[in-house]
Amino acid sequence: MRIGRLMGAGLLPALYIGIVCGALGCGGDEGELPPALTLSTNEIDFGVVPITTEGTLNFTLTNSGGGEIRLDSISLIEGTPGAWDVRRDDDGALSASESSSVTVLFSPGSEIAYSGRIQVRTSAAGGSQYVTLKGTGGPSDVDGDGDGFSAAAGGCDDKNPDRFPGNREVCDGIDNTCD
């Protein structure tokens, strides 16, 4: 009779699930969060980087949940491979509340705008996440001819040390002063 009343009230199935799950661990700890990947940013803008140098910026991956997240891959899926490079400093997994840094390098080869996109693939729910990359190649800051002026500093011919701003103009058919 008691079982009949419990069944009629819908309590027996709930009681059964509570006993079985308590013994077998059906749902885990109710307070534990599932693994969740958080990116510190979804866009990195390098601004202008001289073509003879390399810009370096980082973003962080954090397991903001519980459990462990496997880092399957972090790779450039769009953009010029020679201009972008992606490096990470981890062992392939993030435990609860653990973070890992990803380094992005930008090495422009020309004075143009560049864009790219990084895909972060993990075992976390929600699928892949992405980071958009932007940067522009700027004038070189290397003084190739030793005249004291790089292209970025106003040098007009980095192969000829007789052509630079402030030089004396000579009647030789060459613009010695870069004006």
Foldseek 3Di string as FASTA:
>chain_A
DVVVVCVVVVNVVVVVCVVVCVVVVPPPDPPFFAWDKDKQAQEDEPEEDAQVDKDKDKIKIFRQGAAKKFFPDKDWPDWDVVQKDKDWDDDGMHHHGGMTMIMMMGRDNDQAKIKTKIWTAMPGPDGIGMHIYIYGHDFHQDQQQPLPGGVVRQFDDSVDSQADAPHDDDPPPDRSRSD
